[in-house]
């Protein structure tokens, strides 16, 4: 699902329809949504595209998934009946070592690649759950939702609801300090991470402290953070003083965004022969 970049969506669609994947036994569809936002893409998938299957995989478009990663995640879910999701890790020695030391301790998962039981996705859809628009660390929110068994009002936090699979890995092209575009991208990422830390505080307060349901989260991450600041000013002030970079994150959050087109349904801009036959 390509969000906010029609040129990219069309290019990927041409590749799927005319390249090696055109005759793949796996059905492939390219969806396009106009609003460039990861949270919106996840919401659109859950409420407009979700198909019947045993496992649903979520991955970022810029990562390269190792050939056996999806199978390993599926196997991990099959071997862990109490888990709602399974998480993979980046393919670096440091990440693998640290993850293996901390498997199952905090219920964290990387948003770049993880698997969810499809029945859980359908339950989220039925409950009306949506990720607040503009959320940066969507994986942190999804991880919290799973660890609370979809409902903090009724369930205790259990990290075991996310099964760790350190053998399932992915990689991506890393930035280098001597490229100007990479330096700009790094600074933007620091701002987004500062925003993400604010969101995490507000999400923790909403779910872990107030024990409110996931589907009662506000429509946007900006509203979520502003509500936290208004209702718990002392806590918010202490956090902001302790993390000055978060002030820049707050400034970024407060910039107006146009969400008027988020309810427009996703558009199929390309599919291979297998997907076309199945849809017919």
Foldseek 3Di string as FASTA:
>chain_A
DAEQDVVVLLVVQCCCCPHPNQPPLDKDFGWYANHPFPLLVVVLCLQPPQDDDFKDKAADPQKAWPPCQVVLQVVQCVVQVLAFKEAEWAPDPVTLVVCVVCFQPQLAHQRRIMMGGSVVSNVCNVVQFGDATPALRPRLLVSQCQQQVQFLLPRDGGSSNYGYDHVTHIYGDQADPVDPVSVVVVVVVLLNVLLNVLLNVLSCCQCVVVRGGNRPQDNHSLVSSVVCCVVPVVVVVVVCVVPVSNVSNNVVSPDDDDPPRSPPRIDGSHIHPNNVVVVD
